[in-house]
Every structure is written in structure tokens, then in C-alpha cells.
PDB file of N, CA and C in Angstrom:
ATOM      1  N   MET A   1       1.173  -1.297  -0.093  1.00  0.00           N
ATOM      2  CA  MET A   1      -0.103  -0.250  -0.069  1.00  0.00           C
ATOM      3  C   MET A   1       0.815   1.356   0.007  1.00  0.00           C
ATOM      4  N   ARG A   2       0.763   1.987  -1.011  1.00  0.00           N
ATOM      5  CA  ARG A   2       1.005   3.809  -0.867  1.00  0.00           C
ATOM      6  C   ARG A   2       1.015   4.547  -0.295  1.00  0.00           C
ATOM      7  N   ALA A   3      -0.452   4.355  -0.118  1.00  0.00           N
ATOM      8  CA  ALA A   3      -1.547   5.457   0.884  1.00  0.00           C
ATOM      9  C   ALA A   3      -2.635   4.900   1.148  1.00  0.00           C
ATOM     10  N   LEU A   4      -2.811   6.104   2.471  1.00  0.00           N
ATOM     11  CA  LEU A   4      -4.628   6.137   2.738  1.00  0.00           C
ATOM     12  C   LEU A   4      -4.816   7.768   2.071  1.00  0.00           C
ATOM     13  N   ARG A   5      -6.328   7.163   2.079  1.00  0.00           N
ATOM     14  CA  ARG A   5      -6.923   8.693   1.713  1.00  0.00           C
ATOM     15  C   ARG A   5      -8.209   8.007   2.771  1.00  0.00           C
ATOM     16  N   LEU A   6      -7.916   8.418   4.291  1.00  0.00           N
ATOM     17  CA  LEU A   6      -9.045   8.254   5.369  1.00  0.00           C
ATOM     18  C   LEU A   6      -9.968   8.938   4.919  1.00  0.00           C
ATOM     19  N   ALA A   7     -10.002  10.457   4.205  1.00  0.00           N
ATOM     20  CA  ALA A   7     -11.357  11.149   4.501  1.00  0.00           C
ATOM     21  C   ALA A   7     -12.710  10.602   3.385  1.00  0.00           C
ATOM     22  N   ALA A   8     -11.739   9.738   1.876  1.00  0.00           N
ATOM     23  CA  ALA A   8     -12.240   9.294   1.065  1.00  0.00           C
ATOM     24  C   ALA A   8     -12.725   7.683   1.186  1.00  0.00           C
ATOM     25  N   HIS A   9     -11.977   7.030   2.666  1.00  0.00           N
ATOM     26  CA  HIS A   9     -11.888   5.620   2.860  1.00  0.00           C
ATOM     27  C   HIS A   9     -11.244   5.234   1.599  1.00  0.00           C
ATOM     28  N   ARG A  10     -10.238   5.198   0.925  1.00  0.00           N
ATOM     29  CA  ARG A  10      -9.371   4.580   0.071  1.00  0.00           C
ATOM     30  C   ARG A  10      -7.998   4.441   0.070  1.00  0.00           C
ATOM     31  N   ALA A  11      -7.486   3.408   0.236  1.00  0.00           N
ATOM     32  CA  ALA A  11      -6.738   3.141   0.105  1.00  0.00           C
ATOM     33  C   ALA A  11      -5.792   3.345  -1.480  1.00  0.00           C
ATOM     34  N   VAL A  12      -4.701   3.489  -1.496  1.00  0.00           N
ATOM     35  CA  VAL A  12      -4.020   3.652  -3.039  1.00  0.00           C
ATOM     36  C   VAL A  12      -2.570   2.567  -2.990  1.00  0.00           C
ATOM     37  N   LEU A  13      -2.793   1.555  -3.767  1.00  0.00           N
ATOM     38  CA  LEU A  13      -2.076   0.356  -4.041  1.00  0.00           C
ATOM     39  C   LEU A  13      -0.593   0.518  -4.961  1.00  0.00           C
ATOM     40  N   ALA A  14       0.412   0.023  -3.954  1.00  0.00           N
ATOM     41  CA  ALA A  14       1.780   0.014  -5.001  1.00  0.00           C
ATOM     42  C   ALA A  14       1.788   0.572  -6.574  1.00  0.00           C
ATOM     43  N   THR A  15       0.502  -0.082  -7.360  1.00  0.00           N
ATOM     44  CA  THR A  15       0.711  -0.180  -8.804  1.00  0.00           C
ATOM     45  C   THR A  15      -0.546   1.160  -9.017  1.00  0.00           C
ATOM     46  N   GLY A  16      -0.877   1.923  -8.113  1.00  0.00           N
ATOM     47  CA  GLY A  16      -1.474   3.055  -8.611  1.00  0.00           C
ATOM     48  C   GLY A  16      -2.854   2.817  -8.040  1.00  0.00           C
ATOM     49  N   GLN A  17      -3.401   1.371  -8.682  1.00  0.00           N
ATOM     50  CA  GLN A  17      -5.247   1.364  -7.622  1.00  0.00           C
ATOM     51  C   GLN A  17      -5.201   1.853  -6.617  1.00  0.00           C
ATOM     52  N   GLU A  18      -6.991   2.638  -6.161  1.00  0.00           N
ATOM     53  CA  GLU A  18      -7.077   2.687  -4.853  1.00  0.00           C
ATOM     54  C   GLU A  18      -8.645   1.995  -5.066  1.00  0.00           C
ATOM     55  N   VAL A  19      -8.605   1.149  -3.679  1.00  0.00           N
ATOM     56  CA  VAL A  19      -9.596   0.453  -3.307  1.00  0.00           C
ATOM     57  C   VAL A  19     -10.290   0.509  -2.142  1.00  0.00           C
ATOM     58  N   GLU A  20     -11.717   0.700  -1.659  1.00  0.00           N
ATOM     59  CA  GLU A  20     -12.037   1.523  -0.682  1.00  0.00           C
ATOM     60  C   GLU A  20     -11.790   0.425   0.479  1.00  0.00           C
ATOM     61  N   TYR A  21     -12.440   0.917   1.279  1.00  0.00           N
ATOM     62  CA  TYR A  21     -11.950   0.151   2.812  1.00  0.00           C
ATOM     63  C   TYR A  21     -12.753   0.365   3.441  1.00  0.00           C
ATOM     64  N   THR A  22     -13.275  -0.357   4.554  1.00  0.00           N
ATOM     65  CA  THR A  22     -14.126  -0.233   5.662  1.00  0.00           C
ATOM     66  C   THR A  22     -13.383  -0.209   7.372  1.00  0.00           C
ATOM     67  N   CYS A  23     -11.972  -0.465   7.254  1.00  0.00           N
ATOM     68  CA  CYS A  23     -11.425  -0.838   8.501  1.00  0.00           C
ATOM     69  C   CYS A  23     -10.159  -0.540   7.808  1.00  0.00           C
ATOM     70  N   VAL A  24      -9.286   0.169   8.651  1.00  0.00           N
ATOM     71  CA  VAL A  24      -7.099  -0.324   8.279  1.00  0.00           C
ATOM     72  C   VAL A  24      -6.916  -1.015   9.776  1.00  0.00           C
ATOM     73  N   VAL A  25      -6.049  -1.837   9.411  1.00  0.00           N
ATOM     74  CA  VAL A  25      -5.513  -2.235  10.279  1.00  0.00           C
ATOM     75  C   VAL A  25      -4.263  -2.221  10.014  1.00  0.00           C
ATOM     76  N   ILE A  26      -3.198  -1.820  10.887  1.00  0.00           N
ATOM     77  CA  ILE A  26      -1.725  -1.814  10.757  1.00  0.00           C
ATOM     78  C   ILE A  26      -1.474  -2.463  11.081  1.00  0.00           C
ATOM     79  N   ALA A  27      -0.707  -3.886  10.919  1.00  0.00           N
ATOM     80  CA  ALA A  27       0.092  -5.019  11.503  1.00  0.00           C
ATOM     81  C   ALA A  27       1.405  -5.359  11.142  1.00  0.00           C
ATOM     82  N   ALA A  28       2.272  -4.576  11.661  1.00  0.00           N
ATOM     83  CA  ALA A  28       3.700  -4.408  11.707  1.00  0.00           C
ATOM     84  C   ALA A  28       4.426  -5.941  11.077  1.00  0.00           C
ATOM     85  N   GLY A  29       3.833  -6.730  12.690  1.00  0.00           N
ATOM     86  CA  GLY A  29       4.792  -7.787  12.933  1.00  0.00           C
ATOM     87  C   GLY A  29       5.766  -8.132  13.534  1.00  0.00           C
ATOM     88  N   ALA A  30       6.107  -9.219  13.418  1.00  0.00           N
ATOM     89  CA  ALA A  30       7.476  -9.150  14.187  1.00  0.00           C
ATOM     90  C   ALA A  30       8.465  -9.924  12.938  1.00  0.00           C
ATOM     91  N   PRO A  31       9.765  -9.840  13.319  1.00  0.00           N
ATOM     92  CA  PRO A  31      10.844 -10.166  12.475  1.00  0.00           C
ATOM     93  C   PRO A  31      11.374 -11.873  12.909  1.00  0.00           C
ATOM     94  N   ALA A  32      11.513 -12.195  11.803  1.00  0.00           N
ATOM     95  CA  ALA A  32      11.416 -13.775  12.010  1.00  0.00           C
ATOM     96  C   ALA A  32      13.250 -13.836  12.010  1.00  0.00           C
ATOM     97  N   ASP A  33      13.259 -15.069  13.360  1.00  0.00           N
ATOM     98  CA  ASP A  33      14.542 -15.134  13.589  1.00  0.00           C
ATOM     99  C   ASP A  33      14.883 -16.783  12.867  1.00  0.00           C
ATOM    100  N   ARG A  34      15.128 -16.503  11.365  1.00  0.00           N
ATOM    101  CA  ARG A  34      15.640 -17.935  11.166  1.00  0.00           C
ATOM    102  C   ARG A  34      16.827 -18.455  10.872  1.00  0.00           C
ATOM    103  N   GLU A  35      17.491 -17.614  12.655  1.00  0.00           N
ATOM    104  CA  GLU A  35      18.808 -18.709  12.700  1.00  0.00           C
ATOM    105  C   GLU A  35      18.595 -19.088  13.857  1.00  0.00           C
ATOM    106  N   ARG A  36      17.334 -18.726  14.579  1.00  0.00           N
ATOM    107  CA  ARG A  36      17.203 -19.956  15.825  1.00  0.00           C
ATOM    108  C   ARG A  36      17.043 -21.360  15.953  1.00  0.00           C
ATOM    109  N   ILE A  37      16.497 -22.528  14.943  1.00  0.00           N
ATOM    110  CA  ILE A  37      16.270 -23.483  14.677  1.00  0.00           C
ATOM    111  C   ILE A  37      17.298 -23.702  13.104  1.00  0.00           C
ATOM    112  N   PRO A  38      18.266 -24.786  14.131  1.00  0.00           N
ATOM    113  CA  PRO A  38      19.220 -25.120  12.547  1.00  0.00           C
ATOM    114  C   PRO A  38      18.420 -25.712  11.232  1.00  0.00           C
ATOM    115  N   GLY A  39      18.316 -25.370   9.799  1.00  0.00           N
ATOM    116  CA  GLY A  39      18.375 -25.713   9.186  1.00  0.00           C
ATOM    117  C   GLY A  39      16.713 -24.922   8.733  1.00  0.00           C
ATOM    118  N   SER A  40      16.502 -23.920   9.361  1.00  0.00           N
ATOM    119  CA  SER A  40      14.815 -23.198   9.361  1.00  0.00           C
ATOM    120  C   SER A  40      14.792 -21.948   8.357  1.00  0.00           C
ATOM    121  N   ALA A  41      16.473 -21.492   8.071  1.00  0.00           N
ATOM    122  CA  ALA A  41      16.520 -20.554   7.152  1.00  0.00           C
ATOM    123  C   ALA A  41      16.570 -20.787   5.435  1.00  0.00           C
ATOM    124  N   GLU A  42      16.850 -22.119   5.835  1.00  0.00           N
ATOM    125  CA  GLU A  42      16.764 -22.729   4.844  1.00  0.00           C
ATOM    126  C   GLU A  42      15.569 -23.827   4.232  1.00  0.00           C
ATOM    127  N   TYR A  43      14.486 -24.313   5.079  1.00  0.00           N
ATOM    128  CA  TYR A  43      13.764 -25.100   4.727  1.00  0.00           C
ATOM    129  C   TYR A  43      11.732 -24.601   5.031  1.00  0.00           C
ATOM    130  N   ALA A  44      12.505 -23.376   6.376  1.00  0.00           N
ATOM    131  CA  ALA A  44      10.941 -23.233   6.879  1.00  0.00           C
ATOM    132  C   ALA A  44      10.267 -21.882   6.140  1.00  0.00           C
ATOM    133  N   LEU A  45       8.888 -21.737   6.742  1.00  0.00           N
ATOM    134  CA  LEU A  45       8.104 -21.037   5.653  1.00  0.00           C
ATOM    135  C   LEU A  45       8.232 -19.229   7.341  1.00  0.00           C
ATOM    136  N   PHE A  46       7.738 -18.521   7.001  1.00  0.00           N
ATOM    137  CA  PHE A  46       8.078 -17.367   8.202  1.00  0.00           C
ATOM    138  C   PHE A  46       6.884 -16.378   7.447  1.00  0.00           C
ATOM    139  N   PRO A  47       6.053 -16.761   7.809  1.00  0.00           N
ATOM    140  CA  PRO A  47       4.559 -16.567   7.218  1.00  0.00           C
ATOM    141  C   PRO A  47       3.905 -14.754   7.858  1.00  0.00           C
ATOM    142  N   CYS A  48       4.869 -14.313   8.744  1.00  0.00           N
ATOM    143  CA  CYS A  48       5.234 -12.859   8.952  1.00  0.00           C
ATOM    144  C   CYS A  48       5.937 -11.839   8.040  1.00  0.00           C
ATOM    145  N   GLU A  49       6.201 -12.656   7.277  1.00  0.00           N
ATOM    146  CA  GLU A  49       6.937 -12.124   6.388  1.00  0.00           C
ATOM    147  C   GLU A  49       6.569 -11.946   5.331  1.00  0.00           C
ATOM    148  N   GLN A  50       6.064 -11.019   3.898  1.00  0.00           N
ATOM    149  CA  GLN A  50       4.904 -11.157   2.829  1.00  0.00           C
ATOM    150  C   GLN A  50       5.408 -12.518   2.228  1.00  0.00           C
ATOM    151  N   ALA A  51       6.603 -12.057   1.839  1.00  0.00           N
ATOM    152  CA  ALA A  51       7.132 -13.186   0.361  1.00  0.00           C
ATOM    153  C   ALA A  51       6.581 -14.483   1.152  1.00  0.00           C
ATOM    154  N   ASP A  52       6.997 -15.293   2.366  1.00  0.00           N
ATOM    155  CA  ASP A  52       6.943 -16.517   2.566  1.00  0.00           C
ATOM    156  C   ASP A  52       4.801 -17.135   3.114  1.00  0.00           C
ATOM    157  N   ALA A  53       5.179 -15.352   3.420  1.00  0.00           N
ATOM    158  CA  ALA A  53       2.638 -15.564   3.358  1.00  0.00           C
ATOM    159  C   ALA A  53       2.622 -16.037   2.312  1.00  0.00           C
ATOM    160  N   LEU A  54       3.280 -15.614   1.066  1.00  0.00           N
ATOM    161  CA  LEU A  54       2.848 -15.753  -0.134  1.00  0.00           C
ATOM    162  C   LEU A  54       2.843 -16.967  -1.080  1.00  0.00           C
ATOM    163  N   ARG A  55       4.581 -17.728  -0.214  1.00  0.00           N
ATOM    164  CA  ARG A  55       4.720 -18.528  -0.933  1.00  0.00           C
ATOM    165  C   ARG A  55       3.551 -19.970  -0.229  1.00  0.00           C
ATOM    166  N   LEU A  56       3.498 -19.646   1.548  1.00  0.00           N
ATOM    167  CA  LEU A  56       2.950 -20.870   1.640  1.00  0.00           C
ATOM    168  C   LEU A  56       1.178 -20.798   1.268  1.00  0.00           C
ATOM    169  N   ALA A  57       0.492 -19.888   0.763  1.00  0.00           N
ATOM    170  CA  ALA A  57      -0.908 -19.865   0.682  1.00  0.00           C
ATOM    171  C   ALA A  57      -0.549 -20.099  -0.427  1.00  0.00           C
ATOM    172  N   GLY A  58       0.242 -20.111  -1.588  1.00  0.00           N
ATOM    173  CA  GLY A  58       0.441 -20.800  -3.273  1.00  0.00           C
ATOM    174  C   GLY A  58       0.558 -22.182  -2.466  1.00  0.00           C
ATOM    175  N   ALA A  59       1.150 -22.468  -1.759  1.00  0.00           N
ATOM    176  CA  ALA A  59       1.549 -23.830  -1.639  1.00  0.00           C
ATOM    177  C   ALA A  59       0.377 -25.007  -1.075  1.00  0.00           C
ATOM    178  N   VAL A  60      -0.431 -24.288  -0.099  1.00  0.00           N
ATOM    179  CA  VAL A  60      -1.454 -24.295   0.461  1.00  0.00           C
ATOM    180  C   VAL A  60      -2.747 -24.761  -0.622  1.00  0.00           C
ATOM    181  N   THR A  61      -2.988 -23.626  -1.137  1.00  0.00           N
ATOM    182  CA  THR A  61      -4.127 -23.591  -2.689  1.00  0.00           C
ATOM    183  C   THR A  61      -3.423 -24.230  -3.858  1.00  0.00           C
ATOM    184  N   THR A  62      -2.578 -24.559  -4.024  1.00  0.00           N
ATOM    185  CA  THR A  62      -2.686 -25.719  -4.994  1.00  0.00           C
ATOM    186  C   THR A  62      -1.820 -26.645  -5.305  1.00  0.00           C
ATOM    187  N   GLY A  63      -1.349 -26.996  -3.802  1.00  0.00           N
ATOM    188  CA  GLY A  63      -1.222 -28.594  -3.850  1.00  0.00           C
ATOM    189  C   GLY A  63      -0.295 -29.094  -3.241  1.00  0.00           C
ATOM    190  N   LEU A  64       0.128 -29.510  -2.322  1.00  0.00           N
ATOM    191  CA  LEU A  64       1.524 -29.612  -1.362  1.00  0.00           C
ATOM    192  C   LEU A  64       2.056 -31.232  -2.338  1.00  0.00           C
ATOM    193  N   ARG A  65       3.338 -31.868  -2.778  1.00  0.00           N
ATOM    194  CA  ARG A  65       4.096 -32.489  -2.653  1.00  0.00           C
ATOM    195  C   ARG A  65       4.816 -33.521  -1.486  1.00  0.00           C
ATOM    196  N   SER A  66       4.457 -32.734  -0.287  1.00  0.00           N
ATOM    197  CA  SER A  66       5.251 -32.799   0.650  1.00  0.00           C
ATOM    198  C   SER A  66       3.944 -32.776   1.784  1.00  0.00           C
ATOM    199  N   PRO A  67       4.350 -34.031   3.321  1.00  0.00           N
ATOM    200  CA  PRO A  67       3.495 -33.086   3.490  1.00  0.00           C
ATOM    201  C   PRO A  67       3.789 -31.523   4.199  1.00  0.00           C
ATOM    202  N   LEU A  68       2.999 -31.266   5.043  1.00  0.00           N
ATOM    203  CA  LEU A  68       3.346 -29.999   5.484  1.00  0.00           C
ATOM    204  C   LEU A  68       2.622 -30.423   7.109  1.00  0.00           C
ATOM    205  N   THR A  69       3.729 -29.418   7.701  1.00  0.00           N
ATOM    206  CA  THR A  69       3.766 -29.639   9.486  1.00  0.00           C
ATOM    207  C   THR A  69       4.012 -27.572   9.496  1.00  0.00           C
ATOM    208  N   ILE A  70       2.782 -27.330  10.339  1.00  0.00           N
ATOM    209  CA  ILE A  70       2.497 -26.216  10.856  1.00  0.00           C
ATOM    210  C   ILE A  70       3.163 -25.666  12.450  1.00  0.00           C
ATOM    211  N   VAL A  71       4.230 -25.608  12.831  1.00  0.00           N
ATOM    212  CA  VAL A  71       4.447 -24.890  14.208  1.00  0.00           C
ATOM    213  C   VAL A  71       4.024 -23.477  14.543  1.00  0.00           C
ATOM    214  N   VAL A  72       3.459 -23.234  15.785  1.00  0.00           N
ATOM    215  CA  VAL A  72       2.853 -22.267  15.953  1.00  0.00           C
ATOM    216  C   VAL A  72       3.912 -22.147  17.611  1.00  0.00           C
ATOM    217  N   THR A  73       4.592 -21.257  17.896  1.00  0.00           N
ATOM    218  CA  THR A  73       5.029 -20.949  19.077  1.00  0.00           C
ATOM    219  C   THR A  73       5.390 -19.384  19.682  1.00  0.00           C
ATOM    220  N   GLY A  74       5.692 -19.040  20.614  1.00  0.00           N
ATOM    221  CA  GLY A  74       5.842 -17.711  21.263  1.00  0.00           C
ATOM    222  C   GLY A  74       4.945 -17.021  21.787  1.00  0.00           C
ATOM    223  N   GLN A  75       4.512 -15.898  22.276  1.00  0.00           N
ATOM    224  CA  GLN A  75       3.833 -14.997  22.489  1.00  0.00           C
ATOM    225  C   GLN A  75       2.756 -14.466  21.485  1.00  0.00           C
ATOM    226  N   ARG A  76       3.172 -14.719  20.793  1.00  0.00           N
ATOM    227  CA  ARG A  76       2.847 -13.466  19.633  1.00  0.00           C
ATOM    228  C   ARG A  76       2.418 -14.477  18.325  1.00  0.00           C
ATOM    229  N   ILE A  77       1.017 -15.277  18.198  1.00  0.00           N
ATOM    230  CA  ILE A  77       0.737 -16.211  17.023  1.00  0.00           C
ATOM    231  C   ILE A  77       0.115 -15.953  16.210  1.00  0.00           C
ATOM    232  N   GLY A  78      -0.127 -14.769  16.559  1.00  0.00           N
ATOM    233  CA  GLY A  78      -1.078 -13.817  15.713  1.00  0.00           C
ATOM    234  C   GLY A  78      -0.819 -14.644  14.184  1.00  0.00           C
ATOM    235  N   PRO A  79      -0.075 -14.009  12.908  1.00  0.00           N
ATOM    236  CA  PRO A  79      -0.119 -15.118  11.354  1.00  0.00           C
ATOM    237  C   PRO A  79      -0.880 -15.836  11.738  1.00  0.00           C
ATOM    238  N   SER A  80      -0.088 -16.972  12.464  1.00  0.00           N
ATOM    239  CA  SER A  80      -0.948 -18.541  12.071  1.00  0.00           C
ATOM    240  C   SER A  80      -2.266 -18.350  12.689  1.00  0.00           C
ATOM    241  N   LEU A  81      -2.889 -17.849  13.430  1.00  0.00           N
ATOM    242  CA  LEU A  81      -3.767 -17.732  13.799  1.00  0.00           C
ATOM    243  C   LEU A  81      -4.966 -17.362  12.471  1.00  0.00           C
ATOM    244  N   GLU A  82      -4.349 -15.865  11.827  1.00  0.00           N
ATOM    245  CA  GLU A  82      -4.746 -15.434  11.074  1.00  0.00           C
ATOM    246  C   GLU A  82      -5.042 -15.989   9.440  1.00  0.00           C
ATOM    247  N   PHE A  83      -4.148 -16.510   9.139  1.00  0.00           N
ATOM    248  CA  PHE A  83      -3.864 -17.245   7.820  1.00  0.00           C
ATOM    249  C   PHE A  83      -4.834 -18.520   7.803  1.00  0.00           C
ATOM    250  N   GLY A  84      -4.993 -19.160   8.569  1.00  0.00           N
ATOM    251  CA  GLY A  84      -5.315 -20.423   9.188  1.00  0.00           C
ATOM    252  C   GLY A  84      -6.738 -20.414   8.796  1.00  0.00           C
ATOM    253  N   PRO A  85      -7.614 -19.940   9.534  1.00  0.00           N
ATOM    254  CA  PRO A  85      -9.158 -20.165   8.800  1.00  0.00           C
ATOM    255  C   PRO A  85      -9.203 -19.336   7.385  1.00  0.00           C
ATOM    256  N   SER A  86      -8.747 -18.597   6.472  1.00  0.00           N
ATOM    257  CA  SER A  86      -8.892 -18.531   5.638  1.00  0.00           C
ATOM    258  C   SER A  86      -8.413 -19.637   4.566  1.00  0.00           C
ATOM    259  N   HIS A  87      -7.471 -20.121   4.956  1.00  0.00           N
ATOM    260  CA  HIS A  87      -6.493 -21.692   3.807  1.00  0.00           C
ATOM    261  C   HIS A  87      -7.283 -22.567   4.071  1.00  0.00           C
ATOM    262  N   ALA A  88      -7.850 -22.229   5.193  1.00  0.00           N
ATOM    263  CA  ALA A  88      -8.872 -24.191   5.020  1.00  0.00           C
ATOM    264  C   ALA A  88     -10.110 -23.468   4.663  1.00  0.00           C
ATOM    265  N   ARG A  89     -10.968 -22.632   4.674  1.00  0.00           N
ATOM    266  CA  ARG A  89     -12.137 -21.752   4.154  1.00  0.00           C
ATOM    267  C   ARG A  89     -11.830 -21.870   2.403  1.00  0.00           C
ATOM    268  N   ASP A  90     -10.763 -21.984   1.814  1.00  0.00           N
ATOM    269  CA  ASP A  90      -9.842 -21.808   0.503  1.00  0.00           C
ATOM    270  C   ASP A  90     -10.491 -23.401   0.183  1.00  0.00           C
ATOM    271  N   ARG A  91      -9.364 -24.535   0.882  1.00  0.00           N
ATOM    272  CA  ARG A  91      -9.333 -25.911   0.797  1.00  0.00           C
ATOM    273  C   ARG A  91     -10.687 -26.427   0.575  1.00  0.00           C
ATOM    274  N   ARG A  92     -11.634 -25.906   1.698  1.00  0.00           N
ATOM    275  CA  ARG A  92     -12.812 -26.897   1.640  1.00  0.00           C
ATOM    276  C   ARG A  92     -13.377 -26.204   0.146  1.00  0.00           C
ATOM    277  N   GLN A  93     -13.402 -24.683  -0.798  1.00  0.00           N
ATOM    278  CA  GLN A  93     -14.040 -24.846  -1.202  1.00  0.00           C
ATOM    279  C   GLN A  93     -13.593 -25.392  -2.648  1.00  0.00           C
ATOM    280  N   GLN A  94     -12.434 -25.296  -2.407  1.00  0.00           N
ATOM    281  CA  GLN A  94     -11.305 -25.677  -3.941  1.00  0.00           C
ATOM    282  C   GLN A  94     -11.756 -27.546  -3.686  1.00  0.00           C
ATOM    283  N   HIS A  95     -12.419 -28.389  -2.350  1.00  0.00           N
ATOM    284  CA  HIS A  95     -12.593 -29.693  -2.840  1.00  0.00           C
ATOM    285  C   HIS A  95     -14.038 -29.801  -2.489  1.00  0.00           C
ATOM    286  N   ALA A  96     -15.073 -28.638  -2.773  1.00  0.00           N
ATOM    287  CA  ALA A  96     -16.219 -29.081  -2.458  1.00  0.00           C
ATOM    288  C   ALA A  96     -16.848 -30.040  -3.218  1.00  0.00           C
ATOM    289  N   GLY A  97     -18.080 -31.086  -3.195  1.00  0.00           N
ATOM    290  CA  GLY A  97     -18.444 -31.972  -3.886  1.00  0.00           C
ATOM    291  C   GLY A  97     -17.633 -33.294  -4.171  1.00  0.00           C
ATOM    292  N   ARG A  98     -16.401 -33.496  -3.752  1.00  0.00           N
ATOM    293  CA  ARG A  98     -15.618 -34.018  -3.796  1.00  0.00           C
ATOM    294  C   ARG A  98     -15.914 -35.604  -2.832  1.00  0.00           C
TER     295      ARG A  98
END
């Protein structure tokens, strides 16, 4: 997002496109400590960071080639709780009628 037009309830995206909003939540998140667990920098996704959140969403919605393990730790487990319901809904819709 590039800018907010508060009086007009519009957000200006990086592309210049404007979208209307009803509520704005600014969630800066926490930095990922990729070195805390050996191998996590190479093999784990940290959905607090946008690029990893998009990779996780893509993996879940397009199908996985291997088992998915989700580990939720720490005092702030927000991203896992925030993304979980939307991914579950998407998967349920994707497999409706099967």
C-alpha cells in the first residue's frame, strides 16, 4: 500500500490502483529469527513476512508435494491464527463436492 485517503476511505496500492476500505489494520508484525532453529532458514517459511506468507498460501491452495507441518510458537501467534481460517476455507471450497 502506498497511501491512505482517510476521508474518502480509499487505499492507494503500489500499482496506483485505489480500493475502498471500511477498516484499516496496521499490523507491522515481528521479525523472523531464521537462525534460531538449525535448518529453518533453508527449509521453513515464516508467514510474518509477506514473501513467505504468499509462498505458503500458494503451496496450500495449489497442492502440496509433501506433508505440511505447521509449528506455532511464541507469545504472538497471530499470523498462524490469521491465515489458518482463510486457508481452511479456500481448501474446503476447492474440494467441494468431492
